[in-house]
Amino acid sequence: MAERSLRGTSIGSKSLETDENVEFASRHDVSYVCPEGHRTIVPFADGAEIPDRWECRCGKVAKRENADIEDPKNKQKPQRTPWDMLRERRSIPELQELLEHRIKMHEEGWFPDYE
């Protein structure tokens, strides 16, 4: 039975091929720094899209080193209030006229009493 058994390397063994005549893809290293001061270096292939943020080993978001990145939260418009929206539709003189008209309607009893 020993004559029929196969001999060879085990599963998961190293490849017997060498790296001779193999050209690796060109790449460059990008550094990221998190708020805790951890520095992470990640290799990217040339031409690859490089993200502005990378998750650090501590779980916080690291930003690219030496890159001026604006926070996307700052790019948003400020929140509009009801007064801002009203001012887009009406001018101050128009609002003053409407207010006087409503006060007059209330004084003349156009509105039912809510008790």
PDB file of N, CA and C in Angstrom:
ATOM      1  N   MET A   1       0.814  -1.186   0.000  1.00  0.00           N
ATOM      2  CA  MET A   1       0.000   0.000   0.000  1.00  0.00           C
ATOM      3  C   MET A   1       0.859   1.251   0.000  1.00  0.00           C
ATOM      4  N   ALA A   2       2.039   1.198   0.558  1.00  0.00           N
ATOM      5  CA  ALA A   2       2.924   2.340   0.613  1.00  0.00           C
ATOM      6  C   ALA A   2       3.376   2.756  -0.776  1.00  0.00           C
ATOM      7  N   GLU A   3       3.405   1.806  -1.707  1.00  0.00           N
ATOM      8  CA  GLU A   3       3.838   2.141  -3.050  1.00  0.00           C
ATOM      9  C   GLU A   3       2.826   2.986  -3.787  1.00  0.00           C
ATOM     10  N   ARG A   4       1.546   2.869  -3.421  1.00  0.00           N
ATOM     11  CA  ARG A   4       0.496   3.605  -4.132  1.00  0.00           C
ATOM     12  C   ARG A   4       0.179   4.955  -3.515  1.00  0.00           C
ATOM     13  N   SER A   5       0.701   5.260  -2.365  1.00  0.00           N
ATOM     14  CA  SER A   5       0.378   6.541  -1.722  1.00  0.00           C
ATOM     15  C   SER A   5       1.075   7.694  -2.432  1.00  0.00           C
ATOM     16  N   LEU A   6       0.421   8.796  -2.457  1.00  0.00           N
ATOM     17  CA  LEU A   6       0.974   9.976  -3.111  1.00  0.00           C
ATOM     18  C   LEU A   6       1.865  10.726  -2.148  1.00  0.00           C
ATOM     19  N   ARG A   7       2.947  11.197  -2.650  1.00  0.00           N
ATOM     20  CA  ARG A   7       3.847  11.986  -1.831  1.00  0.00           C
ATOM     21  C   ARG A   7       3.818  13.409  -2.337  1.00  0.00           C
ATOM     22  N   GLY A   8       3.951  14.297  -1.433  1.00  0.00           N
ATOM     23  CA  GLY A   8       3.958  15.705  -1.827  1.00  0.00           C
ATOM     24  C   GLY A   8       3.925  16.592  -0.599  1.00  0.00           C
ATOM     25  N   THR A   9       3.584  17.813  -0.837  1.00  0.00           N
ATOM     26  CA  THR A   9       3.547  18.766   0.273  1.00  0.00           C
ATOM     27  C   THR A   9       2.141  18.820   0.838  1.00  0.00           C
ATOM     28  N   SER A  10       2.033  19.296   2.028  1.00  0.00           N
ATOM     29  CA  SER A  10       0.730  19.355   2.682  1.00  0.00           C
ATOM     30  C   SER A  10      -0.070  20.550   2.149  1.00  0.00           C
ATOM     31  N   ILE A  11      -1.334  20.545   2.430  1.00  0.00           N
ATOM     32  CA  ILE A  11      -2.199  21.657   2.030  1.00  0.00           C
ATOM     33  C   ILE A  11      -1.749  22.902   2.797  1.00  0.00           C
ATOM     34  N   GLY A  12      -1.633  24.002   2.104  1.00  0.00           N
ATOM     35  CA  GLY A  12      -1.221  25.237   2.755  1.00  0.00           C
ATOM     36  C   GLY A  12       0.271  25.434   2.792  1.00  0.00           C
ATOM     37  N   SER A  13       0.989  24.575   2.139  1.00  0.00           N
ATOM     38  CA  SER A  13       2.441  24.752   2.132  1.00  0.00           C
ATOM     39  C   SER A  13       2.806  25.882   1.179  1.00  0.00           C
ATOM     40  N   LYS A  14       4.032  26.283   1.222  1.00  0.00           N
ATOM     41  CA  LYS A  14       4.491  27.371   0.378  1.00  0.00           C
ATOM     42  C   LYS A  14       4.603  26.921  -1.069  1.00  0.00           C
ATOM     43  N   SER A  15       4.406  27.897  -1.949  1.00  0.00           N
ATOM     44  CA  SER A  15       4.515  27.609  -3.371  1.00  0.00           C
ATOM     45  C   SER A  15       5.973  27.358  -3.735  1.00  0.00           C
ATOM     46  N   LEU A  16       6.164  26.524  -4.700  1.00  0.00           N
ATOM     47  CA  LEU A  16       7.514  26.231  -5.144  1.00  0.00           C
ATOM     48  C   LEU A  16       7.972  27.181  -6.244  1.00  0.00           C
ATOM     49  N   GLU A  17       7.072  28.123  -6.644  1.00  0.00           N
ATOM     50  CA  GLU A  17       7.435  29.087  -7.668  1.00  0.00           C
ATOM     51  C   GLU A  17       8.267  30.204  -7.063  1.00  0.00           C
ATOM     52  N   THR A  18       9.114  30.803  -7.872  1.00  0.00           N
ATOM     53  CA  THR A  18       9.944  31.919  -7.411  1.00  0.00           C
ATOM     54  C   THR A  18       9.408  33.227  -7.986  1.00  0.00           C
ATOM     55  N   ASP A  19       9.920  34.331  -7.469  1.00  0.00           N
ATOM     56  CA  ASP A  19       9.504  35.651  -7.928  1.00  0.00           C
ATOM     57  C   ASP A  19      10.366  36.160  -9.083  1.00  0.00           C
ATOM     58  N   GLU A  20      11.115  35.322  -9.663  1.00  0.00           N
ATOM     59  CA  GLU A  20      11.970  35.738 -10.777  1.00  0.00           C
ATOM     60  C   GLU A  20      11.107  36.098 -11.982  1.00  0.00           C
ATOM     61  N   ASN A  21      11.485  37.174 -12.677  1.00  0.00           N
ATOM     62  CA  ASN A  21      10.801  37.656 -13.875  1.00  0.00           C
ATOM     63  C   ASN A  21       9.353  38.065 -13.612  1.00  0.00           C
ATOM     64  N   VAL A  22       9.047  38.442 -12.403  1.00  0.00           N
ATOM     65  CA  VAL A  22       7.699  38.903 -12.058  1.00  0.00           C
ATOM     66  C   VAL A  22       7.759  40.404 -11.833  1.00  0.00           C
ATOM     67  N   GLU A  23       6.901  41.149 -12.531  1.00  0.00           N
ATOM     68  CA  GLU A  23       6.842  42.601 -12.341  1.00  0.00           C
ATOM     69  C   GLU A  23       5.620  42.929 -11.494  1.00  0.00           C
ATOM     70  N   PHE A  24       5.851  43.552 -10.370  1.00  0.00           N
ATOM     71  CA  PHE A  24       4.753  43.948  -9.504  1.00  0.00           C
ATOM     72  C   PHE A  24       4.155  45.255 -10.004  1.00  0.00           C
ATOM     73  N   ALA A  25       2.901  45.477  -9.725  1.00  0.00           N
ATOM     74  CA  ALA A  25       2.240  46.722 -10.126  1.00  0.00           C
ATOM     75  C   ALA A  25       2.893  47.891  -9.396  1.00  0.00           C
ATOM     76  N   SER A  26       3.051  48.994 -10.110  1.00  0.00           N
ATOM     77  CA  SER A  26       3.667  50.159  -9.468  1.00  0.00           C
ATOM     78  C   SER A  26       2.695  50.715  -8.434  1.00  0.00           C
ATOM     79  N   ARG A  27       3.234  51.147  -7.333  1.00  0.00           N
ATOM     80  CA  ARG A  27       2.391  51.633  -6.243  1.00  0.00           C
ATOM     81  C   ARG A  27       3.133  52.687  -5.445  1.00  0.00           C
ATOM     82  N   HIS A  28       2.370  53.387  -4.623  1.00  0.00           N
ATOM     83  CA  HIS A  28       2.966  54.388  -3.736  1.00  0.00           C
ATOM     84  C   HIS A  28       2.241  54.341  -2.392  1.00  0.00           C
ATOM     85  N   ASP A  29       2.916  54.799  -1.364  1.00  0.00           N
ATOM     86  CA  ASP A  29       2.372  54.749  -0.002  1.00  0.00           C
ATOM     87  C   ASP A  29       1.669  56.054   0.338  1.00  0.00           C
ATOM     88  N   VAL A  30       0.542  55.928   1.036  1.00  0.00           N
ATOM     89  CA  VAL A  30      -0.224  57.086   1.497  1.00  0.00           C
ATOM     90  C   VAL A  30      -0.332  56.984   3.012  1.00  0.00           C
ATOM     91  N   SER A  31      -0.055  58.101   3.692  1.00  0.00           N
ATOM     92  CA  SER A  31      -0.091  58.117   5.158  1.00  0.00           C
ATOM     93  C   SER A  31      -1.399  58.710   5.656  1.00  0.00           C
ATOM     94  N   TYR A  32      -1.944  58.114   6.708  1.00  0.00           N
ATOM     95  CA  TYR A  32      -3.152  58.591   7.366  1.00  0.00           C
ATOM     96  C   TYR A  32      -2.842  58.787   8.847  1.00  0.00           C
ATOM     97  N   VAL A  33      -3.412  59.843   9.442  1.00  0.00           N
ATOM     98  CA  VAL A  33      -3.205  60.131  10.864  1.00  0.00           C
ATOM     99  C   VAL A  33      -4.569  60.325  11.512  1.00  0.00           C
ATOM    100  N   CYS A  34      -4.787  59.632  12.650  1.00  0.00           N
ATOM    101  CA  CYS A  34      -6.058  59.746  13.363  1.00  0.00           C
ATOM    102  C   CYS A  34      -5.926  60.797  14.471  1.00  0.00           C
ATOM    103  N   PRO A  35      -7.047  61.195  15.099  1.00  0.00           N
ATOM    104  CA  PRO A  35      -6.995  62.187  16.173  1.00  0.00           C
ATOM    105  C   PRO A  35      -6.144  61.755  17.364  1.00  0.00           C
ATOM    106  N   GLU A  36      -5.958  60.449  17.548  1.00  0.00           N
ATOM    107  CA  GLU A  36      -5.136  59.937  18.645  1.00  0.00           C
ATOM    108  C   GLU A  36      -3.644  60.016  18.324  1.00  0.00           C
ATOM    109  N   GLY A  37      -3.304  60.347  17.075  1.00  0.00           N
ATOM    110  CA  GLY A  37      -1.906  60.457  16.679  1.00  0.00           C
ATOM    111  C   GLY A  37      -1.341  59.205  16.042  1.00  0.00           C
ATOM    112  N   HIS A  38      -2.164  58.180  15.847  1.00  0.00           N
ATOM    113  CA  HIS A  38      -1.683  56.960  15.196  1.00  0.00           C
ATOM    114  C   HIS A  38      -1.459  57.246  13.717  1.00  0.00           C
ATOM    115  N   ARG A  39      -0.359  56.774  13.189  1.00  0.00           N
ATOM    116  CA  ARG A  39      -0.026  56.974  11.776  1.00  0.00           C
ATOM    117  C   ARG A  39      -0.100  55.630  11.078  1.00  0.00           C
ATOM    118  N   THR A  40      -0.879  55.560   9.991  1.00  0.00           N
ATOM    119  CA  THR A  40      -1.050  54.335   9.222  1.00  0.00           C
ATOM    120  C   THR A  40      -0.578  54.583   7.797  1.00  0.00           C
ATOM    121  N   ILE A  41       0.237  53.697   7.272  1.00  0.00           N
ATOM    122  CA  ILE A  41       0.725  53.811   5.900  1.00  0.00           C
ATOM    123  C   ILE A  41       0.101  52.690   5.080  1.00  0.00           C
ATOM    124  N   VAL A  42      -0.600  53.080   4.000  1.00  0.00           N
ATOM    125  CA  VAL A  42      -1.304  52.116   3.166  1.00  0.00           C
ATOM    126  C   VAL A  42      -0.761  52.206   1.740  1.00  0.00           C
ATOM    127  N   PRO A  43      -0.353  51.077   1.146  1.00  0.00           N
ATOM    128  CA  PRO A  43       0.102  51.120  -0.249  1.00  0.00           C
ATOM    129  C   PRO A  43      -1.085  51.091  -1.210  1.00  0.00           C
ATOM    130  N   PHE A  44      -1.046  51.958  -2.224  1.00  0.00           N
ATOM    131  CA  PHE A  44      -2.075  51.994  -3.259  1.00  0.00           C
ATOM    132  C   PHE A  44      -1.403  51.874  -4.621  1.00  0.00           C
ATOM    133  N   ALA A  45      -2.070  51.209  -5.539  1.00  0.00           N
ATOM    134  CA  ALA A  45      -1.558  51.107  -6.899  1.00  0.00           C
ATOM    135  C   ALA A  45      -1.648  52.472  -7.564  1.00  0.00           C
ATOM    136  N   ASP A  46      -0.690  52.755  -8.448  1.00  0.00           N
ATOM    137  CA  ASP A  46      -0.746  54.009  -9.194  1.00  0.00           C
ATOM    138  C   ASP A  46      -2.021  54.025 -10.027  1.00  0.00           C
ATOM    139  N   GLY A  47      -2.706  55.140  -9.996  1.00  0.00           N
ATOM    140  CA  GLY A  47      -3.950  55.262 -10.740  1.00  0.00           C
ATOM    141  C   GLY A  47      -5.177  54.872  -9.946  1.00  0.00           C
ATOM    142  N   ALA A  48      -4.994  54.328  -8.759  1.00  0.00           N
ATOM    143  CA  ALA A  48      -6.139  53.954  -7.925  1.00  0.00           C
ATOM    144  C   ALA A  48      -6.718  55.196  -7.264  1.00  0.00           C
ATOM    145  N   GLU A  49      -8.015  55.175  -7.013  1.00  0.00           N
ATOM    146  CA  GLU A  49      -8.659  56.288  -6.325  1.00  0.00           C
ATOM    147  C   GLU A  49      -8.284  56.207  -4.844  1.00  0.00           C
ATOM    148  N   ILE A  50      -7.696  57.274  -4.337  1.00  0.00           N
ATOM    149  CA  ILE A  50      -7.209  57.276  -2.961  1.00  0.00           C
ATOM    150  C   ILE A  50      -8.255  57.938  -2.063  1.00  0.00           C
ATOM    151  N   PRO A  51      -8.755  57.231  -1.043  1.00  0.00           N
ATOM    152  CA  PRO A  51      -9.759  57.826  -0.161  1.00  0.00           C
ATOM    153  C   PRO A  51      -9.147  58.882   0.750  1.00  0.00           C
ATOM    154  N   ASP A  52      -9.956  59.876   1.123  1.00  0.00           N
ATOM    155  CA  ASP A  52      -9.488  60.936   2.009  1.00  0.00           C
ATOM    156  C   ASP A  52      -9.458  60.483   3.464  1.00  0.00           C
ATOM    157  N   ARG A  53     -10.244  59.467   3.782  1.00  0.00           N
ATOM    158  CA  ARG A  53     -10.329  58.972   5.159  1.00  0.00           C
ATOM    159  C   ARG A  53     -10.073  57.466   5.185  1.00  0.00           C
ATOM    160  N   TRP A  54      -9.535  57.008   6.313  1.00  0.00           N
ATOM    161  CA  TRP A  54      -9.229  55.585   6.486  1.00  0.00           C
ATOM    162  C   TRP A  54      -9.511  55.237   7.938  1.00  0.00           C
ATOM    163  N   GLU A  55     -10.049  54.062   8.190  1.00  0.00           N
ATOM    164  CA  GLU A  55     -10.334  53.667   9.564  1.00  0.00           C
ATOM    165  C   GLU A  55      -9.033  53.268  10.255  1.00  0.00           C
ATOM    166  N   CYS A  56      -8.767  53.903  11.384  1.00  0.00           N
ATOM    167  CA  CYS A  56      -7.549  53.627  12.140  1.00  0.00           C
ATOM    168  C   CYS A  56      -7.708  52.337  12.937  1.00  0.00           C
ATOM    169  N   ARG A  57      -6.615  51.816  13.421  1.00  0.00           N
ATOM    170  CA  ARG A  57      -6.653  50.585  14.230  1.00  0.00           C
ATOM    171  C   ARG A  57      -7.380  50.797  15.550  1.00  0.00           C
ATOM    172  N   CYS A  58      -7.482  52.069  15.999  1.00  0.00           N
ATOM    173  CA  CYS A  58      -8.196  52.342  17.248  1.00  0.00           C
ATOM    174  C   CYS A  58      -9.692  52.525  17.009  1.00  0.00           C
ATOM    175  N   GLY A  59     -10.120  52.498  15.750  1.00  0.00           N
ATOM    176  CA  GLY A  59     -11.537  52.604  15.427  1.00  0.00           C
ATOM    177  C   GLY A  59     -11.971  54.004  15.031  1.00  0.00           C
ATOM    178  N   LYS A  60     -11.110  55.004  15.198  1.00  0.00           N
ATOM    179  CA  LYS A  60     -11.462  56.372  14.820  1.00  0.00           C
ATOM    180  C   LYS A  60     -11.126  56.599  13.349  1.00  0.00           C
ATOM    181  N   VAL A  61     -11.622  57.697  12.821  1.00  0.00           N
ATOM    182  CA  VAL A  61     -11.403  58.010  11.413  1.00  0.00           C
ATOM    183  C   VAL A  61     -10.102  58.791  11.258  1.00  0.00           C
ATOM    184  N   ALA A  62      -9.210  58.266  10.442  1.00  0.00           N
ATOM    185  CA  ALA A  62      -7.935  58.929  10.178  1.00  0.00           C
ATOM    186  C   ALA A  62      -8.035  59.689   8.865  1.00  0.00           C
ATOM    187  N   LYS A  63      -7.393  60.861   8.809  1.00  0.00           N
ATOM    188  CA  LYS A  63      -7.385  61.679   7.605  1.00  0.00           C
ATOM    189  C   LYS A  63      -6.019  61.595   6.951  1.00  0.00           C
ATOM    190  N   ARG A  64      -5.998  61.859   5.642  1.00  0.00           N
ATOM    191  CA  ARG A  64      -4.722  61.825   4.921  1.00  0.00           C
ATOM    192  C   ARG A  64      -3.769  62.854   5.491  1.00  0.00           C
ATOM    193  N   GLU A  65      -2.548  62.442   5.631  1.00  0.00           N
ATOM    194  CA  GLU A  65      -1.522  63.331   6.156  1.00  0.00           C
ATOM    195  C   GLU A  65      -1.138  64.339   5.074  1.00  0.00           C
ATOM    196  N   ASN A  66      -0.936  65.583   5.481  1.00  0.00           N
ATOM    197  CA  ASN A  66      -0.541  66.670   4.582  1.00  0.00           C
ATOM    198  C   ASN A  66      -1.553  66.920   3.476  1.00  0.00           C
ATOM    199  N   ALA A  67      -2.827  66.717   3.758  1.00  0.00           N
ATOM    200  CA  ALA A  67      -3.875  66.997   2.774  1.00  0.00           C
ATOM    201  C   ALA A  67      -4.888  67.937   3.404  1.00  0.00           C
ATOM    202  N   ASP A  68      -5.247  68.964   2.666  1.00  0.00           N
ATOM    203  CA  ASP A  68      -6.270  69.898   3.138  1.00  0.00           C
ATOM    204  C   ASP A  68      -7.623  69.356   2.717  1.00  0.00           C
ATOM    205  N   ILE A  69      -8.300  68.738   3.666  1.00  0.00           N
ATOM    206  CA  ILE A  69      -9.597  68.130   3.392  1.00  0.00           C
ATOM    207  C   ILE A  69     -10.653  68.908   4.168  1.00  0.00           C
ATOM    208  N   GLU A  70     -11.649  69.394   3.444  1.00  0.00           N
ATOM    209  CA  GLU A  70     -12.744  70.086   4.117  1.00  0.00           C
ATOM    210  C   GLU A  70     -13.715  69.051   4.656  1.00  0.00           C
ATOM    211  N   ASP A  71     -14.264  69.363   5.804  1.00  0.00           N
ATOM    212  CA  ASP A  71     -15.238  68.476   6.414  1.00  0.00           C
ATOM    213  C   ASP A  71     -16.542  68.581   5.628  1.00  0.00           C
ATOM    214  N   PRO A  72     -17.142  67.446   5.183  1.00  0.00           N
ATOM    215  CA  PRO A  72     -18.364  67.543   4.390  1.00  0.00           C
ATOM    216  C   PRO A  72     -19.515  68.191   5.149  1.00  0.00           C
ATOM    217  N   LYS A  73     -19.480  68.158   6.473  1.00  0.00           N
ATOM    218  CA  LYS A  73     -20.535  68.806   7.250  1.00  0.00           C
ATOM    219  C   LYS A  73     -20.501  70.315   7.048  1.00  0.00           C
ATOM    220  N   ASN A  74     -19.313  70.867   6.830  1.00  0.00           N
ATOM    221  CA  ASN A  74     -19.200  72.310   6.640  1.00  0.00           C
ATOM    222  C   ASN A  74     -19.638  72.748   5.253  1.00  0.00           C
ATOM    223  N   LYS A  75     -19.729  71.822   4.305  1.00  0.00           N
ATOM    224  CA  LYS A  75     -20.127  72.171   2.956  1.00  0.00           C
ATOM    225  C   LYS A  75     -21.639  72.359   2.832  1.00  0.00           C
ATOM    226  N   GLN A  76     -22.393  71.853   3.777  1.00  0.00           N
ATOM    227  CA  GLN A  76     -23.840  71.946   3.707  1.00  0.00           C
ATOM    228  C   GLN A  76     -24.303  73.376   3.969  1.00  0.00           C
ATOM    229  N   LYS A  77     -25.453  73.698   3.390  1.00  0.00           N
ATOM    230  CA  LYS A  77     -26.039  74.998   3.641  1.00  0.00           C
ATOM    231  C   LYS A  77     -26.509  75.069   5.086  1.00  0.00           C
ATOM    232  N   PRO A  78     -26.529  76.264   5.660  1.00  0.00           N
ATOM    233  CA  PRO A  78     -27.084  76.370   7.009  1.00  0.00           C
ATOM    234  C   PRO A  78     -28.581  76.075   6.974  1.00  0.00           C
ATOM    235  N   GLN A  79     -29.092  75.568   8.081  1.00  0.00           N
ATOM    236  CA  GLN A  79     -30.501  75.197   8.147  1.00  0.00           C
ATOM    237  C   GLN A  79     -31.371  76.444   8.065  1.00  0.00           C
ATOM    238  N   ARG A  80     -32.396  76.377   7.226  1.00  0.00           N
ATOM    239  CA  ARG A  80     -33.298  77.513   7.052  1.00  0.00           C
ATOM    240  C   ARG A  80     -34.398  77.477   8.102  1.00  0.00           C
ATOM    241  N   THR A  81     -34.696  78.618   8.663  1.00  0.00           N
ATOM    242  CA  THR A  81     -35.766  78.736   9.648  1.00  0.00           C
ATOM    243  C   THR A  81     -37.052  79.144   8.931  1.00  0.00           C
ATOM    244  N   PRO A  82     -38.207  79.017   9.596  1.00  0.00           N
ATOM    245  CA  PRO A  82     -39.454  79.488   8.980  1.00  0.00           C
ATOM    246  C   PRO A  82     -39.382  80.980   8.611  1.00  0.00           C
ATOM    247  N   TRP A  83     -38.693  81.768   9.430  1.00  0.00           N
ATOM    248  CA  TRP A  83     -38.565  83.192   9.128  1.00  0.00           C
ATOM    249  C   TRP A  83     -37.771  83.397   7.826  1.00  0.00           C
ATOM    250  N   ASP A  84     -36.713  82.611   7.628  1.00  0.00           N
ATOM    251  CA  ASP A  84     -35.928  82.706   6.390  1.00  0.00           C
ATOM    252  C   ASP A  84     -36.789  82.384   5.170  1.00  0.00           C
ATOM    253  N   MET A  85     -37.591  81.344   5.290  1.00  0.00           N
ATOM    254  CA  MET A  85     -38.452  80.962   4.164  1.00  0.00           C
ATOM    255  C   MET A  85     -39.520  82.018   3.892  1.00  0.00           C
ATOM    256  N   LEU A  86     -40.057  82.625   4.948  1.00  0.00           N
ATOM    257  CA  LEU A  86     -41.045  83.685   4.775  1.00  0.00           C
ATOM    258  C   LEU A  86     -40.416  84.902   4.106  1.00  0.00           C
ATOM    259  N   ARG A  87     -39.193  85.229   4.514  1.00  0.00           N
ATOM    260  CA  ARG A  87     -38.498  86.385   3.938  1.00  0.00           C
ATOM    261  C   ARG A  87     -38.156  86.172   2.460  1.00  0.00           C
ATOM    262  N   GLU A  88     -38.069  84.920   2.028  1.00  0.00           N
ATOM    263  CA  GLU A  88     -37.838  84.646   0.609  1.00  0.00           C
ATOM    264  C   GLU A  88     -39.068  84.979  -0.218  1.00  0.00           C
ATOM    265  N   ARG A  89     -40.258  84.879   0.386  1.00  0.00           N
ATOM    266  CA  ARG A  89     -41.502  85.124  -0.335  1.00  0.00           C
ATOM    267  C   ARG A  89     -42.023  86.547  -0.180  1.00  0.00           C
ATOM    268  N   ARG A  90     -41.770  87.174   0.953  1.00  0.00           N
ATOM    269  CA  ARG A  90     -42.340  88.494   1.245  1.00  0.00           C
ATOM    270  C   ARG A  90     -41.271  89.475   1.689  1.00  0.00           C
ATOM    271  N   SER A  91     -41.519  90.755   1.396  1.00  0.00           N
ATOM    272  CA  SER A  91     -40.626  91.809   1.884  1.00  0.00           C
ATOM    273  C   SER A  91     -41.159  92.314   3.226  1.00  0.00           C
ATOM    274  N   ILE A  92     -40.353  93.108   3.933  1.00  0.00           N
ATOM    275  CA  ILE A  92     -40.770  93.639   5.237  1.00  0.00           C
ATOM    276  C   ILE A  92     -42.013  94.524   5.101  1.00  0.00           C
ATOM    277  N   PRO A  93     -42.109  95.433   4.122  1.00  0.00           N
ATOM    278  CA  PRO A  93     -43.341  96.233   3.989  1.00  0.00           C
ATOM    279  C   PRO A  93     -44.583  95.379   3.736  1.00  0.00           C
ATOM    280  N   GLU A  94     -44.435  94.305   2.929  1.00  0.00           N
ATOM    281  CA  GLU A  94     -45.576  93.416   2.700  1.00  0.00           C
ATOM    282  C   GLU A  94     -45.995  92.724   3.996  1.00  0.00           C
ATOM    283  N   LEU A  95     -45.030  92.287   4.763  1.00  0.00           N
ATOM    284  CA  LEU A  95     -45.346  91.627   6.030  1.00  0.00           C
ATOM    285  C   LEU A  95     -46.014  92.581   7.005  1.00  0.00           C
ATOM    286  N   GLN A  96     -45.554  93.822   7.038  1.00  0.00           N
ATOM    287  CA  GLN A  96     -46.157  94.818   7.918  1.00  0.00           C
ATOM    288  C   GLN A  96     -47.613  95.055   7.523  1.00  0.00           C
ATOM    289  N   GLU A  97     -47.884  95.142   6.227  1.00  0.00           N
ATOM    290  CA  GLU A  97     -49.247  95.354   5.735  1.00  0.00           C
ATOM    291  C   GLU A  97     -50.146  94.169   6.093  1.00  0.00           C
ATOM    292  N   LEU A  98     -49.651  92.941   5.908  1.00  0.00           N
ATOM    293  CA  LEU A  98     -50.421  91.751   6.262  1.00  0.00           C
ATOM    294  C   LEU A  98     -50.714  91.704   7.766  1.00  0.00           C
ATOM    295  N   LEU A  99     -49.735  92.072   8.579  1.00  0.00           N
ATOM    296  CA  LEU A  99     -49.930  92.071  10.028  1.00  0.00           C
ATOM    297  C   LEU A  99     -51.015  93.060  10.435  1.00  0.00           C
ATOM    298  N   GLU A 100     -50.963  94.265   9.870  1.00  0.00           N
ATOM    299  CA  GLU A 100     -51.981  95.275  10.188  1.00  0.00           C
ATOM    300  C   GLU A 100     -53.369  94.801   9.762  1.00  0.00           C
ATOM    301  N   HIS A 101     -53.460  94.151   8.585  1.00  0.00           N
ATOM    302  CA  HIS A 101     -54.748  93.637   8.108  1.00  0.00           C
ATOM    303  C   HIS A 101     -55.291  92.560   9.048  1.00  0.00           C
ATOM    304  N   ARG A 102     -54.434  91.647   9.504  1.00  0.00           N
ATOM    305  CA  ARG A 102     -54.868  90.579  10.406  1.00  0.00           C
ATOM    306  C   ARG A 102     -55.296  91.147  11.766  1.00  0.00           C
ATOM    307  N   ILE A 103     -54.573  92.139  12.256  1.00  0.00           N
ATOM    308  CA  ILE A 103     -54.968  92.756  13.531  1.00  0.00           C
ATOM    309  C   ILE A 103     -56.336  93.413  13.398  1.00  0.00           C
ATOM    310  N   LYS A 104     -56.548  94.089  12.277  1.00  0.00           N
ATOM    311  CA  LYS A 104     -57.843  94.739  12.030  1.00  0.00           C
ATOM    312  C   LYS A 104     -58.957  93.695  11.963  1.00  0.00           C
ATOM    313  N   MET A 105     -58.715  92.559  11.266  1.00  0.00           N
ATOM    314  CA  MET A 105     -59.708  91.483  11.171  1.00  0.00           C
ATOM    315  C   MET A 105     -60.043  90.950  12.557  1.00  0.00           C
ATOM    316  N   HIS A 106     -59.045  90.807  13.401  1.00  0.00           N
ATOM    317  CA  HIS A 106     -59.262  90.278  14.740  1.00  0.00           C
ATOM    318  C   HIS A 106     -60.079  91.264  15.580  1.00  0.00           C
ATOM    319  N   GLU A 107     -59.760  92.548  15.469  1.00  0.00           N
ATOM    320  CA  GLU A 107     -60.482  93.561  16.245  1.00  0.00           C
ATOM    321  C   GLU A 107     -61.933  93.675  15.803  1.00  0.00           C
ATOM    322  N   GLU A 108     -62.206  93.480  14.509  1.00  0.00           N
ATOM    323  CA  GLU A 108     -63.578  93.574  13.994  1.00  0.00           C
ATOM    324  C   GLU A 108     -64.364  92.293  14.210  1.00  0.00           C
ATOM    325  N   GLY A 109     -63.757  91.273  14.719  1.00  0.00           N
ATOM    326  CA  GLY A 109     -64.461  90.040  15.045  1.00  0.00           C
ATOM    327  C   GLY A 109     -64.611  89.085  13.888  1.00  0.00           C
ATOM    328  N   TRP A 110     -63.722  89.112  12.959  1.00  0.00           N
ATOM    329  CA  TRP A 110     -63.786  88.189  11.836  1.00  0.00           C
ATOM    330  C   TRP A 110     -63.459  86.766  12.265  1.00  0.00           C
ATOM    331  N   PHE A 111     -62.740  86.616  13.351  1.00  0.00           N
ATOM    332  CA  PHE A 111     -62.335  85.321  13.816  1.00  0.00           C
ATOM    333  C   PHE A 111     -63.242  84.890  14.955  1.00  0.00           C
ATOM    334  N   PRO A 112     -63.718  83.649  14.957  1.00  0.00           N
ATOM    335  CA  PRO A 112     -64.555  83.195  16.074  1.00  0.00           C
ATOM    336  C   PRO A 112     -63.719  83.096  17.358  1.00  0.00           C
ATOM    337  N   ASP A 113     -64.379  83.271  18.478  1.00  0.00           N
ATOM    338  CA  ASP A 113     -63.691  83.145  19.775  1.00  0.00           C
ATOM    339  C   ASP A 113     -63.506  81.657  20.082  1.00  0.00           C
ATOM    340  N   TYR A 114     -62.283  81.311  20.390  1.00  0.00           N
ATOM    341  CA  TYR A 114     -61.986  79.945  20.770  1.00  0.00           C
ATOM    342  C   TYR A 114     -61.802  79.916  22.286  1.00  0.00           C
ATOM    343  N   GLU A 115     -62.733  79.272  22.937  1.00  0.00           N
ATOM    344  CA  GLU A 115     -62.649  79.194  24.402  1.00  0.00           C
ATOM    345  C   GLU A 115     -62.520  77.781  24.868  1.00  0.00           C
TER     346      GLU A 115
END
